Amino acid sequence: MDAFFVSVEELYDPSLKGKPVVVGGRPDERGVVSAASYAARKFGVHSAMPLRTAYKMCPQAIFLDGHPERYREASEKVFEVLREFSPLVEMASIDEAYLDMTGTERLHGPPLKAAHRLHARMKEATGLNCSTGIAAARMVAKIGSDQAKPNGILWVLPGREAEFLAPLDIRKIPGVGKVTEKNLNALGIRKVGDLARLEPAFLEQRFGKWGLALAGKSQGLDAGAWFESEIGEDEGPKSISHEHTFSEDTADTARIESTLSRLCEMVGRRLREHGLTARTLQLKLRYSDFSTITRAHSNERGTEIDTEIYEAIRELFRRNWKPGAKVRLLGVHASGWTEGGQLNLVGEERHEKWARTLATADKLRDRFGESAVSLAASLRGGFREHAQENPASLPGKGRSDPKDPKPL
C-alpha cells in the first residue's frame, strides 16, 4: 500500500492531501517516523527516521500521533479485496501482502491485466492506492512493488530477474541492514550486480548460511528465512515483543513498573490472538547511557495471562535494575510456545478466572480500541500504541480473519 498510514489519515481528513505529513508522534518525542507523505519525502523524511530529525528536515510538516485502530480496519478491507483475487494471500505486515496468482488467468486475465483490475478494485473498495510488483519469486515482486511506487505496476519477466536487480543498491535486498551493508561495502559490493558476480562458496565462507542466501537473492531467488514458507501458510510468530522508549529518561519506580504492566498487556493480547502460551519471558532494560541488559525467566507451564506475565517481568526488573538509575527504554519479549502445564488447584482456578476476564476484555478492545480496557497497574504508565507496532488482529492471522465471526 502507498504511504498507508498517511493515506488512511487523508481519508478521514482530506485537507491533508498534498501536504507534508508525518505519522508516528510529535516532533519533540524520541519516537520514529511510521510513515511520511510523498510531499514530506521530498525533504528527505522517511520511515524509521527519528521524529526530531524529521522535524529538522521538514519543520512545516504536520505531525500526527496516528490511529492504529483505523489502520487495522483499513487493512482488513485490503485483505478482503485481495481474497477476491486469490485464495492464497499472505499478509506480510499491516500494509503489505503477497498473492499467488497461479491458475487465475481465466478468471482475472494475464498478469498486467490482473494487476490493473486489482488496482481499480482496491481504489473502489478502500479509497487507497497500492503499488504492485509481479514476478516468479516473492523477493523480486517485493522489490518491484517498491520500484513501482507510487500507484504503479512493474512486471519482471521470468528469466530477467538478475538483470532487473543488478543496478539496484544492495540495501534493496530484504534483510540487508546497515551492518550487512557495511560489511558488503568493505568487500567492494555496492550494487546487487556486484554481489551476483561473487561465488556462493566465497559468500558462505564470509557470511555463513546468510552468505548462501545472499547469493540466491542476487539471482532473484526466494532464498533464506524471509521466504521459506509457502504463500498463505501461516506458521505463526516465533516470538512476540513490545517496547517503549520514554520521552524523558526516568527513575520513577512506580512509572517504570506501570509501563512494564502495559507492555505485558500488549504481549498477552497478541499471544491470545495467536492462541499461544509462552514459557520464556524476557525483560529488556536500557539506561540513559544506552547500556542495555536482557534477562529471561522460563517456567514449565506457558502463559498468555497479562497478570502472570507481569509478575514474572516485574520480578526480573526488581532483581536487575540499578536503583536510582534512569531508564530510557523497556521491552517485554515472549517465546517458547507450549501446550500448557500442571498447576495446583488454586493456581488453575485463578488462571481460568483471568482467562475468562481477559477474553471479555479482548472483545471490548476489538470493538472500542486497544485502550478501552486496561489493568489498574498499567494506568500510570499508559502510553499510546505506536502506529508502527506489530498489531494484534493482523488480517488473515488467527481470529482476525475477516471470514471469521465478528467479535461481539
Protein backbone atom coordinates (compact mmCIF):
# COMPACT_ATOMS: atom_id res chain seq x y z
CA MET A 1 0.00 0.00 0.00
CA ASP A 2 1.22 3.52 -0.80
CA ALA A 3 2.11 5.63 2.29
CA PHE A 4 -0.55 3.55 4.03
CA PHE A 5 -0.88 5.32 7.39
CA VAL A 6 -0.83 8.76 5.77
CA SER A 7 -3.33 7.68 3.10
CA VAL A 8 -5.74 6.40 5.77
CA GLU A 9 -5.41 9.68 7.66
CA GLU A 10 -6.26 11.54 4.43
CA LEU A 11 -9.49 9.55 4.12
CA TYR A 12 -10.59 10.97 7.48
CA ASP A 13 -9.17 14.44 6.83
CA PRO A 14 -9.00 15.29 3.10
CA SER A 15 -7.35 18.64 3.93
CA LEU A 16 -4.10 16.69 4.48
CA LYS A 17 -3.83 15.71 0.82
CA GLY A 18 -0.82 17.15 -0.96
CA LYS A 19 0.75 18.40 2.29
CA PRO A 20 3.88 17.13 4.06
CA VAL A 21 2.50 14.76 6.72
CA VAL A 22 4.41 12.63 9.22
CA VAL A 23 2.71 9.85 11.20
CA GLY A 24 4.37 8.50 14.32
CA GLY A 25 4.22 11.12 17.04
CA ARG A 26 5.03 14.68 17.95
CA PRO A 27 8.25 16.31 16.70
CA ASP A 28 9.70 16.71 20.20
CA GLU A 29 9.39 13.00 21.03
CA ARG A 30 12.01 10.25 20.87
CA GLY A 31 9.91 8.08 18.59
CA VAL A 32 10.44 7.35 14.93
CA VAL A 33 8.53 8.13 11.77
CA SER A 34 5.98 5.42 10.96
CA ALA A 35 5.02 6.89 7.59
CA ALA A 36 5.60 10.07 5.60
CA SER A 37 3.58 11.52 2.77
CA TYR A 38 5.27 11.85 -0.60
CA ALA A 39 5.33 15.63 -0.07
CA ALA A 40 7.35 15.08 3.13
CA ARG A 41 9.64 12.56 1.43
CA LYS A 42 10.79 15.27 -0.96
CA PHE A 43 12.53 16.84 2.06
CA GLY A 44 14.30 13.57 2.88
CA VAL A 45 11.88 12.35 5.55
CA HIS A 46 11.41 8.58 5.59
CA SER A 47 10.07 5.84 7.83
CA ALA A 48 12.19 4.76 10.83
CA MET A 49 13.81 8.22 10.95
CA PRO A 50 13.80 9.85 14.43
CA LEU A 51 10.91 12.30 14.73
CA ARG A 52 13.24 15.07 15.86
CA THR A 53 15.36 14.59 12.74
CA ALA A 54 12.24 14.66 10.58
CA TYR A 55 11.24 17.98 12.15
CA LYS A 56 14.64 19.49 11.40
CA MET A 57 14.38 18.40 7.77
CA CYS A 58 10.77 19.46 7.33
CA PRO A 59 9.56 21.77 10.14
CA GLN A 60 6.46 22.72 8.15
CA ALA A 61 5.21 19.11 8.20
CA ILE A 62 2.03 18.14 10.02
CA PHE A 63 2.95 15.61 12.72
CA LEU A 64 0.26 13.09 13.74
CA ASP A 65 0.27 10.51 16.53
CA GLY A 66 -1.63 8.14 14.28
CA HIS A 67 -4.71 5.96 14.79
CA PRO A 68 -3.78 2.24 14.86
CA GLU A 69 -7.43 1.19 15.06
CA ARG A 70 -8.11 2.95 11.76
CA TYR A 71 -5.15 1.25 10.13
CA ARG A 72 -6.30 -2.18 11.30
CA GLU A 73 -9.79 -1.55 9.93
CA ALA A 74 -8.37 -0.40 6.57
CA SER A 75 -6.02 -3.39 6.47
CA GLU A 76 -8.97 -5.75 6.88
CA LYS A 77 -10.67 -4.11 3.89
CA VAL A 78 -7.46 -4.50 1.88
CA PHE A 79 -7.30 -8.18 2.83
CA GLU A 80 -10.90 -8.71 1.72
CA VAL A 81 -10.08 -7.25 -1.71
CA LEU A 82 -7.00 -9.44 -2.07
CA ARG A 83 -9.04 -12.54 -1.25
CA GLU A 84 -11.29 -11.70 -4.20
CA PHE A 85 -8.28 -12.24 -6.49
CA SER A 86 -6.63 -15.29 -4.94
CA PRO A 87 -7.29 -17.73 -2.08
CA LEU A 88 -3.55 -17.73 -1.37
CA VAL A 89 -2.82 -14.44 0.41
CA GLU A 90 0.00 -13.81 2.87
CA MET A 91 -0.22 -10.60 4.90
CA ALA A 92 3.45 -9.81 5.48
CA SER A 93 2.50 -6.78 7.56
CA ILE A 94 -0.44 -4.47 8.07
CA ASP A 95 0.16 -2.80 4.67
CA GLU A 96 1.99 -5.42 2.59
CA ALA A 97 0.87 -8.75 1.12
CA TYR A 98 1.83 -11.47 -1.32
CA LEU A 99 -0.65 -13.17 -3.65
CA ASP A 100 -0.07 -16.42 -5.51
CA MET A 101 -1.99 -15.87 -8.76
CA THR A 102 -1.13 -19.26 -10.26
CA GLY A 103 -4.11 -20.68 -12.14
CA THR A 104 -6.21 -17.50 -12.08
CA GLU A 105 -5.68 -16.34 -15.69
CA ARG A 106 -9.09 -17.48 -16.91
CA LEU A 107 -10.71 -15.52 -14.10
CA HIS A 108 -8.56 -12.37 -13.94
CA GLY A 109 -6.60 -12.39 -17.19
CA PRO A 110 -2.81 -12.29 -17.75
CA PRO A 111 -0.52 -10.65 -15.15
CA LEU A 112 -0.72 -7.00 -16.22
CA LYS A 113 -4.46 -7.09 -16.76
CA ALA A 114 -4.99 -8.77 -13.38
CA ALA A 115 -2.80 -6.14 -11.68
CA HIS A 116 -4.74 -3.27 -13.25
CA ARG A 117 -8.01 -4.87 -12.19
CA LEU A 118 -6.64 -5.25 -8.67
CA HIS A 119 -5.62 -1.58 -8.53
CA ALA A 120 -9.05 -0.42 -9.70
CA ARG A 121 -10.86 -2.71 -7.25
CA MET A 122 -8.61 -1.62 -4.36
CA LYS A 123 -9.32 2.05 -5.02
CA GLU A 124 -13.05 1.38 -5.34
CA ALA A 125 -13.32 -0.68 -2.15
CA THR A 126 -10.90 1.18 0.14
CA GLY A 127 -10.21 4.60 -1.39
CA LEU A 128 -6.49 3.76 -1.19
CA ASN A 129 -3.72 3.35 -3.74
CA CYS A 130 -1.31 0.45 -3.94
CA SER A 131 1.78 -0.49 -5.92
CA THR A 132 2.31 -3.93 -7.37
CA GLY A 133 5.34 -5.98 -8.32
CA ILE A 134 4.81 -9.05 -10.50
CA ALA A 135 7.43 -11.79 -10.61
CA ALA A 136 8.02 -15.50 -10.33
CA ALA A 137 9.57 -15.01 -6.86
CA ARG A 138 8.26 -13.11 -3.84
CA MET A 139 11.53 -11.26 -3.25
CA VAL A 140 11.58 -9.84 -6.76
CA ALA A 141 7.89 -8.97 -6.57
CA LYS A 142 8.53 -7.13 -3.30
CA ILE A 143 11.39 -5.10 -4.76
CA GLY A 144 9.34 -4.50 -7.90
CA SER A 145 6.45 -3.04 -5.92
CA ASP A 146 8.88 -0.69 -4.18
CA GLN A 147 10.32 0.44 -7.50
CA ALA A 148 6.79 0.98 -8.87
CA LYS A 149 5.71 3.42 -6.15
CA PRO A 150 3.57 5.41 -6.08
CA ASN A 151 0.48 3.72 -7.51
CA GLY A 152 2.42 1.81 -10.17
CA ILE A 153 2.80 -1.69 -11.57
CA LEU A 154 6.09 -3.35 -12.51
CA TRP A 155 6.35 -6.78 -14.14
CA VAL A 156 9.74 -8.52 -14.09
CA LEU A 157 9.58 -11.18 -16.79
CA PRO A 158 10.74 -14.70 -15.92
CA GLY A 159 14.44 -15.07 -16.67
CA ARG A 160 15.09 -11.33 -16.38
CA GLU A 161 15.34 -11.18 -12.57
CA ALA A 162 19.13 -10.84 -12.28
CA GLU A 163 19.14 -8.17 -14.99
CA PHE A 164 16.47 -6.20 -13.13
CA LEU A 165 18.26 -6.45 -9.78
CA ALA A 166 21.83 -5.80 -10.94
CA PRO A 167 21.82 -1.94 -10.94
CA LEU A 168 19.97 -1.63 -7.61
CA ASP A 169 21.65 -0.70 -4.31
CA ILE A 170 22.43 -3.70 -2.11
CA ARG A 171 20.06 -2.34 0.58
CA LYS A 172 17.15 -3.12 -1.73
CA ILE A 173 17.55 -6.79 -0.88
CA PRO A 174 15.17 -7.68 2.01
CA GLY A 175 17.13 -8.46 5.15
CA VAL A 176 20.19 -6.39 4.27
CA GLY A 177 20.51 -3.77 7.01
CA LYS A 178 23.15 -1.23 7.91
CA VAL A 179 25.58 -3.76 9.39
CA THR A 180 25.42 -6.16 6.44
CA GLU A 181 25.62 -3.24 4.02
CA LYS A 182 28.80 -2.01 5.72
CA ASN A 183 30.37 -5.48 5.60
CA LEU A 184 29.46 -5.86 1.92
CA ASN A 185 30.75 -2.38 1.08
CA ALA A 186 34.08 -3.32 2.65
CA LEU A 187 34.30 -6.05 0.00
CA GLY A 188 33.52 -3.57 -2.76
CA ILE A 189 29.92 -4.71 -3.07
CA ARG A 190 27.54 -1.78 -3.51
CA LYS A 191 25.10 -2.99 -6.16
CA VAL A 192 23.20 -6.26 -6.38
CA GLY A 193 25.13 -6.98 -9.59
CA ASP A 194 28.39 -6.80 -7.63
CA LEU A 195 27.04 -9.48 -5.31
CA ALA A 196 25.84 -11.66 -8.18
CA ARG A 197 29.35 -11.87 -9.62
CA LEU A 198 30.78 -13.50 -6.47
CA GLU A 199 30.93 -17.25 -5.98
CA PRO A 200 28.39 -18.65 -3.47
CA ALA A 201 31.21 -20.54 -1.73
CA PHE A 202 33.05 -17.27 -1.07
CA LEU A 203 29.93 -15.65 0.38
CA GLU A 204 29.28 -18.71 2.54
CA GLN A 205 32.83 -18.54 3.86
CA ARG A 206 32.42 -14.87 4.77
CA PHE A 207 28.80 -14.84 6.00
CA GLY A 208 27.81 -18.45 6.65
CA LYS A 209 24.29 -19.56 5.65
CA TRP A 210 23.31 -15.91 5.21
CA GLY A 211 26.00 -15.68 2.51
CA LEU A 212 24.36 -18.51 0.56
CA ALA A 213 21.00 -16.78 0.91
CA LEU A 214 22.52 -13.54 -0.39
CA ALA A 215 23.89 -15.39 -3.41
CA GLY A 216 20.44 -16.74 -4.18
CA LYS A 217 18.75 -13.38 -3.65
CA SER A 218 21.17 -11.67 -6.02
CA GLN A 219 19.89 -14.01 -8.75
CA GLY A 220 16.26 -13.27 -7.93
CA LEU A 221 15.50 -16.38 -5.89
CA ASP A 222 13.37 -16.68 -2.76
CA ALA A 223 16.35 -17.67 -0.63
CA GLY A 224 16.71 -17.52 3.15
CA ALA A 225 14.35 -17.45 6.11
CA TRP A 226 12.38 -14.47 4.81
CA PHE A 227 10.71 -16.63 2.18
CA GLU A 228 10.81 -20.20 3.48
CA SER A 229 7.07 -20.83 3.93
CA GLU A 230 4.50 -21.12 1.18
CA ILE A 231 2.20 -18.18 0.41
CA GLY A 232 -0.91 -18.44 2.54
CA GLU A 233 0.75 -20.79 5.02
CA ASP A 234 0.52 -19.24 8.47
CA GLU A 235 3.34 -20.62 10.61
CA GLY A 236 2.67 -18.11 13.36
CA PRO A 237 5.24 -15.89 15.09
CA LYS A 238 8.49 -17.25 16.52
CA SER A 239 8.32 -14.65 19.30
CA ILE A 240 6.19 -11.71 20.40
CA SER A 241 7.52 -8.49 21.90
CA HIS A 242 6.72 -4.85 22.58
CA GLU A 243 8.99 -1.97 23.58
CA HIS A 244 8.54 1.58 24.82
CA THR A 245 11.01 4.47 24.80
CA PHE A 246 10.31 7.18 27.36
CA SER A 247 10.14 10.77 26.13
CA GLU A 248 12.34 11.61 29.11
CA ASP A 249 14.51 9.11 30.99
CA THR A 250 13.01 8.18 34.33
CA ALA A 251 13.99 6.54 37.61
CA ASP A 252 10.42 6.68 38.96
CA THR A 253 9.84 3.07 40.06
CA ALA A 254 6.05 3.35 40.01
CA ARG A 255 6.07 4.73 36.46
CA ILE A 256 8.54 2.14 35.25
CA GLU A 257 6.56 -0.77 36.70
CA SER A 258 3.30 0.63 35.39
CA THR A 259 4.85 0.87 31.91
CA LEU A 260 6.01 -2.73 32.21
CA SER A 261 2.45 -3.72 33.10
CA ARG A 262 1.16 -2.03 29.94
CA LEU A 263 3.79 -3.79 27.82
CA CYS A 264 2.81 -7.12 29.37
CA GLU A 265 -0.81 -6.41 28.46
CA MET A 266 0.18 -5.80 24.85
CA VAL A 267 2.22 -9.01 24.70
CA GLY A 268 -0.56 -11.03 26.37
CA ARG A 269 -3.10 -9.66 23.92
CA ARG A 270 -1.07 -10.81 20.93
CA LEU A 271 -0.40 -14.21 22.50
CA ARG A 272 -4.15 -14.77 22.81
CA GLU A 273 -4.72 -13.52 19.25
CA HIS A 274 -2.44 -16.31 18.03
CA GLY A 275 -3.70 -18.91 20.51
CA LEU A 276 -0.24 -19.23 22.06
CA THR A 277 1.17 -19.66 25.54
CA ALA A 278 4.76 -18.58 26.25
CA ARG A 279 7.12 -20.41 28.56
CA THR A 280 10.03 -17.93 28.31
CA LEU A 281 9.57 -14.28 29.25
CA GLN A 282 12.34 -11.72 28.81
CA LEU A 283 12.90 -8.19 30.09
CA LYS A 284 14.84 -5.62 28.09
CA LEU A 285 16.20 -2.65 30.06
CA ARG A 286 18.11 0.25 28.52
CA TYR A 287 19.64 3.02 30.63
CA SER A 288 20.31 6.66 29.79
CA ASP A 289 23.85 5.85 28.65
CA PHE A 290 22.40 3.30 26.16
CA SER A 291 23.83 0.35 28.09
CA THR A 292 21.30 -2.46 27.71
CA ILE A 293 20.63 -5.67 29.60
CA THR A 294 18.25 -8.54 28.86
CA ARG A 295 17.13 -11.03 31.47
CA ALA A 296 14.86 -14.02 30.91
CA HIS A 297 12.86 -16.43 33.02
CA SER A 298 11.36 -19.76 31.93
CA ASN A 299 8.54 -21.75 33.53
CA GLU A 300 7.44 -25.33 33.00
CA ARG A 301 3.97 -24.04 32.15
CA GLY A 302 3.35 -21.44 29.46
CA THR A 303 1.02 -18.49 29.94
CA GLU A 304 -0.94 -15.96 27.93
CA ILE A 305 -2.30 -14.16 31.01
CA ASP A 306 -1.33 -10.49 31.40
CA THR A 307 -1.02 -10.64 35.19
CA GLU A 308 1.16 -13.77 35.15
CA ILE A 309 3.43 -12.23 32.53
CA TYR A 310 3.67 -9.05 34.58
CA GLU A 311 4.52 -10.91 37.80
CA ALA A 312 7.49 -12.59 36.09
CA ILE A 313 8.69 -9.43 34.32
CA ARG A 314 8.35 -7.26 37.42
CA GLU A 315 10.43 -9.77 39.39
CA LEU A 316 13.13 -9.66 36.70
CA PHE A 317 13.10 -5.88 36.82
CA ARG A 318 13.38 -5.67 40.62
CA ARG A 319 16.27 -8.10 40.63
CA ASN A 320 18.27 -6.38 37.91
CA TRP A 321 17.53 -2.64 37.95
CA LYS A 322 20.16 -0.37 39.48
CA PRO A 323 18.08 1.65 41.98
CA GLY A 324 18.10 5.32 41.05
CA ALA A 325 19.45 4.71 37.53
CA LYS A 326 17.39 6.41 34.85
CA VAL A 327 15.72 4.17 32.28
CA ARG A 328 15.41 5.08 28.61
CA LEU A 329 13.69 2.01 27.15
CA LEU A 330 11.76 -1.02 28.37
CA GLY A 331 10.85 -4.16 26.45
CA VAL A 332 8.92 -7.36 27.11
CA HIS A 333 9.58 -10.43 24.95
CA ALA A 334 7.76 -13.79 24.94
CA SER A 335 8.84 -17.04 23.26
CA GLY A 336 9.00 -20.79 23.77
CA TRP A 337 5.44 -21.81 22.89
CA THR A 338 3.94 -24.62 24.98
CA GLU A 339 0.70 -26.54 25.35
CA GLY A 340 0.36 -25.51 28.98
CA GLY A 341 1.38 -27.43 32.09
CA GLN A 342 0.33 -28.54 35.53
CA LEU A 343 -0.88 -26.06 38.12
CA ASN A 344 -2.18 -26.72 41.60
CA LEU A 345 -5.93 -26.45 42.12
CA VAL A 346 -5.82 -22.88 43.44
CA GLY A 347 -3.48 -21.76 40.67
CA GLU A 348 -5.63 -23.40 37.99
CA GLU A 349 -8.77 -21.72 39.28
CA ARG A 350 -7.04 -18.31 39.32
CA HIS A 351 -5.63 -18.87 35.81
CA GLU A 352 -9.03 -19.80 34.37
CA LYS A 353 -10.70 -16.83 36.03
CA TRP A 354 -8.21 -14.44 34.45
CA ALA A 355 -8.55 -16.23 31.10
CA ARG A 356 -12.31 -15.61 31.10
CA THR A 357 -11.86 -11.99 32.18
CA LEU A 358 -9.26 -11.24 29.51
CA ALA A 359 -11.35 -12.93 26.79
CA THR A 360 -14.10 -10.43 27.59
CA ALA A 361 -11.59 -7.57 27.68
CA ASP A 362 -10.28 -8.58 24.24
CA LYS A 363 -13.79 -8.43 22.79
CA LEU A 364 -14.18 -4.91 24.15
CA ARG A 365 -10.81 -3.94 22.65
CA ASP A 366 -11.86 -5.41 19.30
CA ARG A 367 -14.90 -3.17 19.35
CA PHE A 368 -13.68 0.02 21.05
CA GLY A 369 -9.89 0.02 20.57
CA GLU A 370 -6.85 -1.23 22.47
CA SER A 371 -7.10 1.42 25.20
CA ALA A 372 -10.72 0.55 26.07
CA VAL A 373 -9.73 -1.83 28.89
CA SER A 374 -6.56 -1.86 30.97
CA LEU A 375 -5.16 -3.30 34.19
CA ALA A 376 -5.14 -0.87 37.11
CA ALA A 377 -1.39 -1.44 37.40
CA SER A 378 -0.96 -0.04 33.86
CA LEU A 379 -2.80 3.24 34.30
CA ARG A 380 0.11 5.42 35.39
CA GLY A 381 2.36 4.03 32.67
CA GLY A 382 -0.26 4.35 29.97
CA PHE A 383 1.08 5.33 26.57
CA ARG A 384 -0.50 5.27 23.17
CA GLU A 385 0.07 2.34 20.86
CA HIS A 386 2.59 3.40 18.21
CA ALA A 387 1.45 3.17 14.62
CA GLN A 388 4.50 1.10 13.69
CA GLU A 389 3.85 -1.56 16.33
CA ASN A 390 3.12 -5.07 15.07
CA PRO A 391 -0.63 -5.07 15.62
CA ALA A 392 -2.93 -7.56 17.18
CA SER A 393 -5.69 -8.60 14.77
CA LEU A 394 -3.49 -8.67 11.66
CA PRO A 395 -5.80 -9.68 8.79
CA GLY A 396 -5.59 -13.33 7.87
CA LYS A 397 -3.85 -14.22 11.13
CA GLY A 398 -5.60 -16.01 13.96
CA ARG A 399 -9.14 -14.99 14.74
CA SER A 400 -8.85 -11.69 12.89
CA ASP A 401 -9.61 -13.32 9.51
CA PRO A 402 -12.50 -11.31 8.02
CA LYS A 403 -14.23 -14.59 7.19
CA ASP A 404 -14.32 -15.48 10.87
CA PRO A 405 -17.30 -14.47 13.02
CA LYS A 406 -17.04 -10.84 14.04
CA PRO A 407 -16.42 -10.14 17.74
CA LEU A 408 -19.44 -9.26 19.83
